Each structure stands twice: as C-alpha cells, then as structure tokens.
Full PDB file with SEQRES, HELIX, SHEET, SSBOND, CRYST1, ORIGX, SCALE, CONECT and MASTER records, all heavy atoms in Angstrom:
SEQRES   1 A   38  ILE THR SER GLN LEU SER ALA GLY THR TYR TYR ILE ARG          
SEQRES   2 A   38  VAL TYR PRO TYR THR GLY ASP THR ASN TYR ASN LEU ALA          
SEQRES   3 A   38  VAL SER ALA THR THR ALA THR VAL THR PRO GLY TYR              
CRYST1    1.000    1.000    1.000  90.00  90.00  90.00 P 1           1          
ORIGX1      1.000000  0.000000  0.000000        0.00000                         
ORIGX2      0.000000  1.000000  0.000000        0.00000                         
ORIGX3      0.000000  0.000000  1.000000        0.00000                         
SCALE1      1.000000  0.000000  0.000000        0.00000                         
SCALE2      0.000000  1.000000  0.000000        0.00000                         
SCALE3      0.000000  0.000000  1.000000        0.00000                         
ATOM      1  N   ILE A   1      19.829 -62.193  -5.173  1.00  0.00           N  
ATOM      2  CA  ILE A   1      20.974 -62.754  -4.524  1.00  0.00           C  
ATOM      3  C   ILE A   1      22.163 -62.246  -5.351  1.00  0.00           C  
ATOM      4  O   ILE A   1      22.270 -62.286  -6.391  1.00  0.00           O  
ATOM      5  CB  ILE A   1      20.899 -64.332  -4.541  1.00  0.00           C  
ATOM      6  CG1 ILE A   1      19.698 -64.865  -3.781  1.00  0.00           C  
ATOM      7  CG2 ILE A   1      22.145 -64.920  -4.077  1.00  0.00           C  
ATOM      8  CD1 ILE A   1      19.485 -66.284  -3.867  1.00  0.00           C  
ATOM      9  N   THR A   2      23.051 -61.808  -4.448  1.00  0.00           N  
ATOM     10  CA  THR A   2      24.413 -61.325  -5.073  1.00  0.00           C  
ATOM     11  C   THR A   2      25.478 -62.039  -4.293  1.00  0.00           C  
ATOM     12  O   THR A   2      25.416 -62.037  -3.097  1.00  0.00           O  
ATOM     13  CB  THR A   2      24.613 -59.813  -4.959  1.00  0.00           C  
ATOM     14  OG1 THR A   2      23.538 -59.152  -5.523  1.00  0.00           O  
ATOM     15  CG2 THR A   2      25.997 -59.464  -5.498  1.00  0.00           C  
ATOM     16  N   SER A   3      26.308 -62.839  -4.942  1.00  0.00           N  
ATOM     17  CA  SER A   3      27.271 -63.676  -4.209  1.00  0.00           C  
ATOM     18  C   SER A   3      28.574 -63.747  -5.230  1.00  0.00           C  
ATOM     19  O   SER A   3      28.490 -63.831  -6.332  1.00  0.00           O  
ATOM     20  CB  SER A   3      26.723 -64.991  -4.113  1.00  0.00           C  
ATOM     21  OG  SER A   3      27.512 -65.794  -3.294  1.00  0.00           O  
ATOM     22  N   GLN A   4      29.715 -63.841  -4.631  1.00  0.00           N  
ATOM     23  CA  GLN A   4      30.945 -64.194  -5.246  1.00  0.00           C  
ATOM     24  C   GLN A   4      31.054 -65.691  -5.076  1.00  0.00           C  
ATOM     25  O   GLN A   4      31.105 -66.239  -4.048  1.00  0.00           O  
ATOM     26  CB  GLN A   4      32.107 -63.489  -4.536  1.00  0.00           C  
ATOM     27  CG  GLN A   4      32.114 -61.930  -4.845  1.00  0.00           C  
ATOM     28  CD  GLN A   4      33.378 -61.321  -4.309  1.00  0.00           C  
ATOM     29  OE1 GLN A   4      34.244 -62.014  -3.622  1.00  0.00           O  
ATOM     30  NE2 GLN A   4      33.443 -60.019  -4.440  1.00  0.00           N  
ATOM     31  N   LEU A   5      31.337 -66.274  -6.313  1.00  0.00           N  
ATOM     32  CA  LEU A   5      31.384 -67.689  -6.401  1.00  0.00           C  
ATOM     33  C   LEU A   5      32.540 -68.180  -7.095  1.00  0.00           C  
ATOM     34  O   LEU A   5      32.989 -67.648  -8.012  1.00  0.00           O  
ATOM     35  CB  LEU A   5      30.128 -68.340  -7.242  1.00  0.00           C  
ATOM     36  CG  LEU A   5      28.763 -67.903  -6.569  1.00  0.00           C  
ATOM     37  CD1 LEU A   5      27.632 -68.136  -7.695  1.00  0.00           C  
ATOM     38  CD2 LEU A   5      28.537 -68.664  -5.349  1.00  0.00           C  
ATOM     39  N   SER A   6      33.079 -69.414  -6.789  1.00  0.00           N  
ATOM     40  CA  SER A   6      34.209 -70.096  -7.499  1.00  0.00           C  
ATOM     41  C   SER A   6      33.361 -70.756  -8.783  1.00  0.00           C  
ATOM     42  O   SER A   6      32.280 -70.867  -8.805  1.00  0.00           O  
ATOM     43  CB  SER A   6      34.711 -71.174  -6.705  1.00  0.00           C  
ATOM     44  OG  SER A   6      35.204 -70.589  -5.481  1.00  0.00           O  
ATOM     45  N   ALA A   7      34.311 -70.948  -9.783  1.00  0.00           N  
ATOM     46  CA  ALA A   7      33.863 -71.562 -11.018  1.00  0.00           C  
ATOM     47  C   ALA A   7      33.132 -72.911 -10.675  1.00  0.00           C  
ATOM     48  O   ALA A   7      33.623 -73.649  -9.732  1.00  0.00           O  
ATOM     49  CB  ALA A   7      34.949 -72.005 -11.816  1.00  0.00           C  
ATOM     50  N   GLY A   8      32.047 -73.319 -11.218  1.00  0.00           N  
ATOM     51  CA  GLY A   8      31.402 -74.518 -10.951  1.00  0.00           C  
ATOM     52  C   GLY A   8      29.920 -74.542 -11.420  1.00  0.00           C  
ATOM     53  O   GLY A   8      29.485 -73.566 -12.111  1.00  0.00           O  
ATOM     54  N   THR A   9      29.181 -75.484 -11.060  1.00  0.00           N  
ATOM     55  CA  THR A   9      27.761 -75.553 -11.447  1.00  0.00           C  
ATOM     56  C   THR A   9      26.889 -75.117 -10.168  1.00  0.00           C  
ATOM     57  O   THR A   9      27.119 -75.655  -9.133  1.00  0.00           O  
ATOM     58  CB  THR A   9      27.410 -77.060 -11.856  1.00  0.00           C  
ATOM     59  OG1 THR A   9      28.261 -77.446 -12.846  1.00  0.00           O  
ATOM     60  CG2 THR A   9      25.876 -77.215 -12.048  1.00  0.00           C  
ATOM     61  N   TYR A  10      25.916 -74.467 -10.507  1.00  0.00           N  
ATOM     62  CA  TYR A  10      24.902 -73.868  -9.510  1.00  0.00           C  
ATOM     63  C   TYR A  10      23.594 -73.811 -10.031  1.00  0.00           C  
ATOM     64  O   TYR A  10      23.352 -73.947 -11.258  1.00  0.00           O  
ATOM     65  CB  TYR A  10      25.300 -72.451  -9.131  1.00  0.00           C  
ATOM     66  CG  TYR A  10      26.634 -72.267  -8.611  1.00  0.00           C  
ATOM     67  CD1 TYR A  10      27.808 -72.036  -9.394  1.00  0.00           C  
ATOM     68  CD2 TYR A  10      26.915 -72.429  -7.247  1.00  0.00           C  
ATOM     69  CE1 TYR A  10      29.092 -71.934  -8.855  1.00  0.00           C  
ATOM     70  CE2 TYR A  10      28.286 -72.325  -6.651  1.00  0.00           C  
ATOM     71  CZ  TYR A  10      29.276 -72.064  -7.440  1.00  0.00           C  
ATOM     72  OH  TYR A  10      30.498 -71.939  -6.899  1.00  0.00           O  
ATOM     73  N   TYR A  11      22.668 -73.961  -9.003  1.00  0.00           N  
ATOM     74  CA  TYR A  11      21.146 -74.065  -9.372  1.00  0.00           C  
ATOM     75  C   TYR A  11      20.530 -72.853  -8.904  1.00  0.00           C  
ATOM     76  O   TYR A  11      20.846 -72.523  -7.664  1.00  0.00           O  
ATOM     77  CB  TYR A  11      20.580 -75.389  -9.005  1.00  0.00           C  
ATOM     78  CG  TYR A  11      21.362 -76.626  -9.682  1.00  0.00           C  
ATOM     79  CD1 TYR A  11      22.294 -77.208  -9.014  1.00  0.00           C  
ATOM     80  CD2 TYR A  11      20.934 -77.010 -11.000  1.00  0.00           C  
ATOM     81  CE1 TYR A  11      23.027 -78.174  -9.654  1.00  0.00           C  
ATOM     82  CE2 TYR A  11      21.769 -78.001 -11.559  1.00  0.00           C  
ATOM     83  CZ  TYR A  11      22.753 -78.712 -10.960  1.00  0.00           C  
ATOM     84  OH  TYR A  11      23.311 -79.773 -11.486  1.00  0.00           O  
ATOM     85  N   ILE A  12      19.391 -72.508  -9.378  1.00  0.00           N  
ATOM     86  CA  ILE A  12      18.543 -71.445  -8.693  1.00  0.00           C  
ATOM     87  C   ILE A  12      17.038 -72.140  -8.505  1.00  0.00           C  
ATOM     88  O   ILE A  12      16.503 -72.738  -9.450  1.00  0.00           O  
ATOM     89  CB  ILE A  12      18.364 -70.270  -9.663  1.00  0.00           C  
ATOM     90  CG1 ILE A  12      19.664 -69.503  -9.867  1.00  0.00           C  
ATOM     91  CG2 ILE A  12      17.263 -69.270  -9.038  1.00  0.00           C  
ATOM     92  CD1 ILE A  12      19.788 -68.470 -10.923  1.00  0.00           C  
ATOM     93  N   ARG A  13      16.707 -72.070  -7.279  1.00  0.00           N  
ATOM     94  CA  ARG A  13      15.380 -72.655  -6.905  1.00  0.00           C  
ATOM     95  C   ARG A  13      14.339 -71.407  -6.702  1.00  0.00           C  
ATOM     96  O   ARG A  13      14.697 -70.667  -5.714  1.00  0.00           O  
ATOM     97  CB  ARG A  13      15.493 -73.526  -5.796  1.00  0.00           C  
ATOM     98  CG  ARG A  13      14.119 -74.050  -5.305  1.00  0.00           C  
ATOM     99  CD  ARG A  13      14.299 -74.971  -4.124  1.00  0.00           C  
ATOM    100  NE  ARG A  13      13.063 -75.495  -3.765  1.00  0.00           N  
ATOM    101  CZ  ARG A  13      12.649 -75.474  -2.356  1.00  0.00           C  
ATOM    102  NH1 ARG A  13      13.456 -75.112  -1.465  1.00  0.00           N  
ATOM    103  NH2 ARG A  13      11.415 -75.842  -2.143  1.00  0.00           N  
ATOM    104  N   VAL A  14      13.325 -71.347  -7.371  1.00  0.00           N  
ATOM    105  CA  VAL A  14      12.121 -70.476  -7.026  1.00  0.00           C  
ATOM    106  C   VAL A  14      10.960 -71.239  -6.536  1.00  0.00           C  
ATOM    107  O   VAL A  14      10.597 -72.222  -7.141  1.00  0.00           O  
ATOM    108  CB  VAL A  14      11.740 -69.622  -8.307  1.00  0.00           C  
ATOM    109  CG1 VAL A  14      10.618 -68.740  -8.052  1.00  0.00           C  
ATOM    110  CG2 VAL A  14      12.972 -68.936  -8.943  1.00  0.00           C  
ATOM    111  N   TYR A  15      10.663 -70.880  -5.442  1.00  0.00           N  
ATOM    112  CA  TYR A  15       9.479 -71.603  -4.684  1.00  0.00           C  
ATOM    113  C   TYR A  15       8.360 -70.666  -4.156  1.00  0.00           C  
ATOM    114  O   TYR A  15       8.761 -69.562  -3.691  1.00  0.00           O  
ATOM    115  CB  TYR A  15       9.986 -72.560  -3.745  1.00  0.00           C  
ATOM    116  CG  TYR A  15      10.800 -71.930  -2.579  1.00  0.00           C  
ATOM    117  CD1 TYR A  15      10.111 -71.836  -1.311  1.00  0.00           C  
ATOM    118  CD2 TYR A  15      12.161 -71.643  -2.775  1.00  0.00           C  
ATOM    119  CE1 TYR A  15      10.838 -71.164  -0.337  1.00  0.00           C  
ATOM    120  CE2 TYR A  15      12.795 -71.076  -1.679  1.00  0.00           C  
ATOM    121  CZ  TYR A  15      12.201 -70.926  -0.552  1.00  0.00           C  
ATOM    122  OH  TYR A  15      12.848 -70.208   0.542  1.00  0.00           O  
ATOM    123  N   PRO A  16       7.124 -71.092  -4.171  1.00  0.00           N  
ATOM    124  CA  PRO A  16       6.217 -70.205  -3.680  1.00  0.00           C  
ATOM    125  C   PRO A  16       6.157 -69.981  -2.174  1.00  0.00           C  
ATOM    126  O   PRO A  16       6.501 -71.040  -1.501  1.00  0.00           O  
ATOM    127  CB  PRO A  16       4.863 -70.942  -4.088  1.00  0.00           C  
ATOM    128  CG  PRO A  16       5.127 -72.275  -4.220  1.00  0.00           C  
ATOM    129  CD  PRO A  16       6.689 -72.369  -4.610  1.00  0.00           C  
ATOM    130  N   TYR A  17       5.941 -68.792  -1.775  1.00  0.00           N  
ATOM    131  CA  TYR A  17       5.837 -68.537  -0.293  1.00  0.00           C  
ATOM    132  C   TYR A  17       4.246 -68.727   0.033  1.00  0.00           C  
ATOM    133  O   TYR A  17       3.829 -69.377   0.955  1.00  0.00           O  
ATOM    134  CB  TYR A  17       6.230 -67.123   0.136  1.00  0.00           C  
ATOM    135  CG  TYR A  17       6.071 -66.866   1.509  1.00  0.00           C  
ATOM    136  CD1 TYR A  17       6.904 -67.382   2.427  1.00  0.00           C  
ATOM    137  CD2 TYR A  17       5.127 -65.938   2.025  1.00  0.00           C  
ATOM    138  CE1 TYR A  17       6.643 -67.068   3.897  1.00  0.00           C  
ATOM    139  CE2 TYR A  17       4.808 -65.697   3.392  1.00  0.00           C  
ATOM    140  CZ  TYR A  17       5.730 -66.243   4.231  1.00  0.00           C  
ATOM    141  OH  TYR A  17       5.414 -65.981   5.586  1.00  0.00           O  
ATOM    142  N   THR A  18       3.424 -68.060  -0.696  1.00  0.00           N  
ATOM    143  CA  THR A  18       2.037 -68.323  -0.661  1.00  0.00           C  
ATOM    144  C   THR A  18       1.383 -68.303  -1.908  1.00  0.00           C  
ATOM    145  O   THR A  18       1.727 -67.577  -2.966  1.00  0.00           O  
ATOM    146  CB  THR A  18       1.315 -67.210   0.145  1.00  0.00           C  
ATOM    147  OG1 THR A  18       1.560 -65.958  -0.610  1.00  0.00           O  
ATOM    148  CG2 THR A  18       1.768 -67.066   1.581  1.00  0.00           C  
ATOM    149  N   GLY A  19       0.511 -69.210  -2.309  1.00  0.00           N  
ATOM    150  CA  GLY A  19      -0.258 -69.339  -3.451  1.00  0.00           C  
ATOM    151  C   GLY A  19       0.722 -69.695  -4.745  1.00  0.00           C  
ATOM    152  O   GLY A  19       1.726 -70.021  -4.524  1.00  0.00           O  
ATOM    153  N   ASP A  20      -0.005 -69.560  -5.804  1.00  0.00           N  
ATOM    154  CA  ASP A  20       0.843 -69.677  -7.190  1.00  0.00           C  
ATOM    155  C   ASP A  20       1.047 -68.304  -7.705  1.00  0.00           C  
ATOM    156  O   ASP A  20       0.281 -67.326  -7.522  1.00  0.00           O  
ATOM    157  CB  ASP A  20      -0.116 -70.563  -8.033  1.00  0.00           C  
ATOM    158  CG  ASP A  20      -0.263 -71.955  -7.641  1.00  0.00           C  
ATOM    159  OD1 ASP A  20       0.716 -72.434  -6.989  1.00  0.00           O  
ATOM    160  OD2 ASP A  20      -1.199 -72.558  -8.006  1.00  0.00           O  
ATOM    161  N   THR A  21       2.036 -68.185  -8.459  1.00  0.00           N  
ATOM    162  CA  THR A  21       2.376 -66.836  -9.040  1.00  0.00           C  
ATOM    163  C   THR A  21       3.313 -67.145 -10.235  1.00  0.00           C  
ATOM    164  O   THR A  21       4.103 -68.050 -10.399  1.00  0.00           O  
ATOM    165  CB  THR A  21       3.119 -65.937  -8.120  1.00  0.00           C  
ATOM    166  OG1 THR A  21       3.247 -64.652  -8.679  1.00  0.00           O  
ATOM    167  CG2 THR A  21       4.602 -66.433  -7.760  1.00  0.00           C  
ATOM    168  N   ASN A  22       3.183 -66.250 -11.309  1.00  0.00           N  
ATOM    169  CA  ASN A  22       4.037 -66.199 -12.412  1.00  0.00           C  
ATOM    170  C   ASN A  22       5.189 -65.223 -12.079  1.00  0.00           C  
ATOM    171  O   ASN A  22       5.142 -64.389 -11.260  1.00  0.00           O  
ATOM    172  CB  ASN A  22       3.368 -65.660 -13.639  1.00  0.00           C  
ATOM    173  CG  ASN A  22       2.223 -66.535 -14.187  1.00  0.00           C  
ATOM    174  OD1 ASN A  22       2.360 -67.679 -14.035  1.00  0.00           O  
ATOM    175  ND2 ASN A  22       1.149 -65.823 -14.735  1.00  0.00           N  
ATOM    176  N   TYR A  23       6.341 -65.547 -12.676  1.00  0.00           N  
ATOM    177  CA  TYR A  23       7.514 -64.720 -12.193  1.00  0.00           C  
ATOM    178  C   TYR A  23       8.388 -64.746 -13.508  1.00  0.00           C  
ATOM    179  O   TYR A  23       8.490 -65.517 -14.428  1.00  0.00           O  
ATOM    180  CB  TYR A  23       8.242 -65.226 -11.149  1.00  0.00           C  
ATOM    181  CG  TYR A  23       8.807 -66.626 -11.277  1.00  0.00           C  
ATOM    182  CD1 TYR A  23      10.129 -66.916 -11.755  1.00  0.00           C  
ATOM    183  CD2 TYR A  23       8.179 -67.815 -10.795  1.00  0.00           C  
ATOM    184  CE1 TYR A  23      10.560 -68.065 -12.075  1.00  0.00           C  
ATOM    185  CE2 TYR A  23       8.483 -69.053 -10.993  1.00  0.00           C  
ATOM    186  CZ  TYR A  23       9.770 -69.275 -11.575  1.00  0.00           C  
ATOM    187  OH  TYR A  23      10.310 -70.498 -11.657  1.00  0.00           O  
ATOM    188  N   ASN A  24       9.271 -63.596 -13.489  1.00  0.00           N  
ATOM    189  CA  ASN A  24      10.308 -63.455 -14.463  1.00  0.00           C  
ATOM    190  C   ASN A  24      11.753 -63.822 -13.713  1.00  0.00           C  
ATOM    191  O   ASN A  24      11.852 -63.141 -12.671  1.00  0.00           O  
ATOM    192  CB  ASN A  24      10.268 -62.041 -15.100  1.00  0.00           C  
ATOM    193  CG  ASN A  24       9.167 -61.880 -15.955  1.00  0.00           C  
ATOM    194  OD1 ASN A  24       8.778 -62.768 -16.623  1.00  0.00           O  
ATOM    195  ND2 ASN A  24       8.566 -60.705 -15.830  1.00  0.00           N  
ATOM    196  N   LEU A  25      12.670 -64.460 -14.299  1.00  0.00           N  
ATOM    197  CA  LEU A  25      13.762 -64.806 -13.654  1.00  0.00           C  
ATOM    198  C   LEU A  25      14.950 -64.301 -14.726  1.00  0.00           C  
ATOM    199  O   LEU A  25      14.978 -64.486 -15.779  1.00  0.00           O  
ATOM    200  CB  LEU A  25      14.011 -66.365 -13.553  1.00  0.00           C  
ATOM    201  CG  LEU A  25      15.373 -66.864 -12.944  1.00  0.00           C  
ATOM    202  CD1 LEU A  25      15.474 -66.333 -11.621  1.00  0.00           C  
ATOM    203  CD2 LEU A  25      15.387 -68.380 -12.979  1.00  0.00           C  
ATOM    204  N   ALA A  26      15.818 -63.474 -14.050  1.00  0.00           N  
ATOM    205  CA  ALA A  26      16.936 -62.878 -14.735  1.00  0.00           C  
ATOM    206  C   ALA A  26      18.272 -63.363 -13.916  1.00  0.00           C  
ATOM    207  O   ALA A  26      18.304 -63.127 -12.766  1.00  0.00           O  
ATOM    208  CB  ALA A  26      16.861 -61.432 -14.801  1.00  0.00           C  
ATOM    209  N   VAL A  27      19.131 -63.816 -14.672  1.00  0.00           N  
ATOM    210  CA  VAL A  27      20.379 -64.324 -14.101  1.00  0.00           C  
ATOM    211  C   VAL A  27      21.629 -63.778 -14.854  1.00  0.00           C  
ATOM    212  O   VAL A  27      21.569 -63.615 -16.135  1.00  0.00           O  
ATOM    213  CB  VAL A  27      20.555 -65.923 -14.155  1.00  0.00           C  
ATOM    214  CG1 VAL A  27      21.782 -66.330 -13.484  1.00  0.00           C  
ATOM    215  CG2 VAL A  27      19.355 -66.494 -13.402  1.00  0.00           C  
ATOM    216  N   SER A  28      22.527 -63.189 -14.194  1.00  0.00           N  
ATOM    217  CA  SER A  28      23.718 -62.783 -14.901  1.00  0.00           C  
ATOM    218  C   SER A  28      25.015 -63.066 -14.071  1.00  0.00           C  
ATOM    219  O   SER A  28      24.963 -63.366 -12.766  1.00  0.00           O  
ATOM    220  CB  SER A  28      23.642 -61.169 -14.961  1.00  0.00           C  
ATOM    221  OG  SER A  28      23.695 -60.625 -13.589  1.00  0.00           O  
ATOM    222  N   ALA A  29      26.113 -63.285 -14.762  1.00  0.00           N  
ATOM    223  CA  ALA A  29      27.388 -63.726 -14.144  1.00  0.00           C  
ATOM    224  C   ALA A  29      28.515 -62.874 -14.962  1.00  0.00           C  
ATOM    225  O   ALA A  29      28.467 -62.622 -16.104  1.00  0.00           O  
ATOM    226  CB  ALA A  29      27.616 -65.144 -14.185  1.00  0.00           C  
ATOM    227  N   THR A  30      29.489 -62.602 -14.183  1.00  0.00           N  
ATOM    228  CA  THR A  30      30.629 -62.030 -14.768  1.00  0.00           C  
ATOM    229  C   THR A  30      31.948 -62.679 -14.123  1.00  0.00           C  
ATOM    230  O   THR A  30      31.748 -63.274 -13.156  1.00  0.00           O  
ATOM    231  CB  THR A  30      30.682 -60.399 -14.409  1.00  0.00           C  
ATOM    232  OG1 THR A  30      30.873 -60.257 -12.969  1.00  0.00           O  
ATOM    233  CG2 THR A  30      29.605 -59.677 -14.899  1.00  0.00           C  
ATOM    234  N   THR A  31      32.964 -62.633 -14.897  1.00  0.00           N  
ATOM    235  CA  THR A  31      34.299 -63.176 -14.487  1.00  0.00           C  
ATOM    236  C   THR A  31      35.101 -62.074 -13.980  1.00  0.00           C  
ATOM    237  O   THR A  31      35.039 -60.994 -14.449  1.00  0.00           O  
ATOM    238  CB  THR A  31      34.912 -64.044 -15.563  1.00  0.00           C  
ATOM    239  OG1 THR A  31      35.197 -63.103 -16.713  1.00  0.00           O  
ATOM    240  CG2 THR A  31      34.073 -65.118 -16.011  1.00  0.00           C  
ATOM    241  N   ALA A  32      35.908 -62.353 -13.113  1.00  0.00           N  
ATOM    242  CA  ALA A  32      36.846 -61.344 -12.588  1.00  0.00           C  
ATOM    243  C   ALA A  32      38.332 -61.942 -12.720  1.00  0.00           C  
ATOM    244  O   ALA A  32      38.594 -63.099 -12.410  1.00  0.00           O  
ATOM    245  CB  ALA A  32      36.548 -61.155 -11.044  1.00  0.00           C  
ATOM    246  N   THR A  33      39.236 -61.094 -13.076  1.00  0.00           N  
ATOM    247  CA  THR A  33      40.640 -61.503 -13.205  1.00  0.00           C  
ATOM    248  C   THR A  33      41.099 -60.850 -11.945  1.00  0.00           C  
ATOM    249  O   THR A  33      41.137 -59.625 -11.596  1.00  0.00           O  
ATOM    250  CB  THR A  33      41.239 -60.721 -14.403  1.00  0.00           C  
ATOM    251  OG1 THR A  33      40.501 -61.271 -15.523  1.00  0.00           O  
ATOM    252  CG2 THR A  33      42.688 -61.306 -14.504  1.00  0.00           C  
ATOM    253  N   VAL A  34      41.799 -61.757 -11.195  1.00  0.00           N  
ATOM    254  CA  VAL A  34      42.499 -61.337  -9.850  1.00  0.00           C  
ATOM    255  C   VAL A  34      43.960 -61.412 -10.151  1.00  0.00           C  
ATOM    256  O   VAL A  34      44.645 -62.260 -10.564  1.00  0.00           O  
ATOM    257  CB  VAL A  34      42.213 -62.377  -8.790  1.00  0.00           C  
ATOM    258  CG1 VAL A  34      42.891 -62.025  -7.490  1.00  0.00           C  
ATOM    259  CG2 VAL A  34      40.707 -62.449  -8.543  1.00  0.00           C  
ATOM    260  N   THR A  35      44.555 -60.146  -9.861  1.00  0.00           N  
ATOM    261  CA  THR A  35      45.916 -59.932  -9.999  1.00  0.00           C  
ATOM    262  C   THR A  35      46.557 -60.088  -8.716  1.00  0.00           C  
ATOM    263  O   THR A  35      46.256 -59.240  -7.810  1.00  0.00           O  
ATOM    264  CB  THR A  35      46.292 -58.639 -10.622  1.00  0.00           C  
ATOM    265  OG1 THR A  35      45.598 -58.415 -11.956  1.00  0.00           O  
ATOM    266  CG2 THR A  35      47.768 -58.404 -10.885  1.00  0.00           C  
ATOM    267  N   PRO A  36      47.376 -60.972  -8.435  1.00  0.00           N  
ATOM    268  CA  PRO A  36      48.015 -61.161  -7.024  1.00  0.00           C  
ATOM    269  C   PRO A  36      48.880 -59.967  -6.765  1.00  0.00           C  
ATOM    270  O   PRO A  36      49.502 -59.316  -7.564  1.00  0.00           O  
ATOM    271  CB  PRO A  36      49.041 -62.290  -7.223  1.00  0.00           C  
ATOM    272  CG  PRO A  36      48.614 -63.082  -8.480  1.00  0.00           C  
ATOM    273  CD  PRO A  36      47.938 -61.997  -9.365  1.00  0.00           C  
ATOM    274  N   GLY A  37      48.728 -59.471  -5.541  1.00  0.00           N  
ATOM    275  CA  GLY A  37      49.429 -58.263  -4.967  1.00  0.00           C  
ATOM    276  C   GLY A  37      50.712 -58.796  -4.444  1.00  0.00           C  
ATOM    277  O   GLY A  37      51.081 -59.893  -4.354  1.00  0.00           O  
ATOM    278  N   TYR A  38      51.466 -57.749  -3.874  1.00  0.00           N  
ATOM    279  CA  TYR A  38      52.764 -58.165  -3.279  1.00  0.00           C  
ATOM    280  C   TYR A  38      52.939 -57.194  -2.066  1.00  0.00           C  
ATOM    281  O   TYR A  38      52.394 -56.160  -2.007  1.00  0.00           O  
ATOM    282  CB  TYR A  38      53.908 -58.033  -4.304  1.00  0.00           C  
ATOM    283  CG  TYR A  38      54.156 -56.675  -4.730  1.00  0.00           C  
ATOM    284  CD1 TYR A  38      55.064 -55.834  -4.039  1.00  0.00           C  
ATOM    285  CD2 TYR A  38      53.512 -56.168  -5.830  1.00  0.00           C  
ATOM    286  CE1 TYR A  38      55.287 -54.509  -4.565  1.00  0.00           C  
ATOM    287  CE2 TYR A  38      53.792 -54.863  -6.255  1.00  0.00           C  
ATOM    288  CZ  TYR A  38      54.578 -54.006  -5.620  1.00  0.00           C  
ATOM    289  OH  TYR A  38      54.821 -52.819  -6.054  1.00  0.00           O  
TER     290      TYR A  38                                                      
MASTER        0    0    0    0    0    0    0    6  289    1    0    3          
END                                                                             
C-alpha cells in the first residue's frame, strides 16, 4: 500500500485470505515539506 497521509495515527491490519501463514511486515514513512507556490 502506498498512500499520502496527513499527520495522525494509523493502523495496519494483516489478515489471512486462506489458511494460516507467517509473514514479514515492513513499514516506512517519510515527511514532505510543502512549499506554497504562487
């Protein structure tokens, strides 16, 4: 999932489609500085 988000609290839900499985979860976030244009 790639999404632009406002500052806040978010959760990630991983759920099985079929059966049980082990998984690795990697999450990253970056901040962006927005310079108003004219």
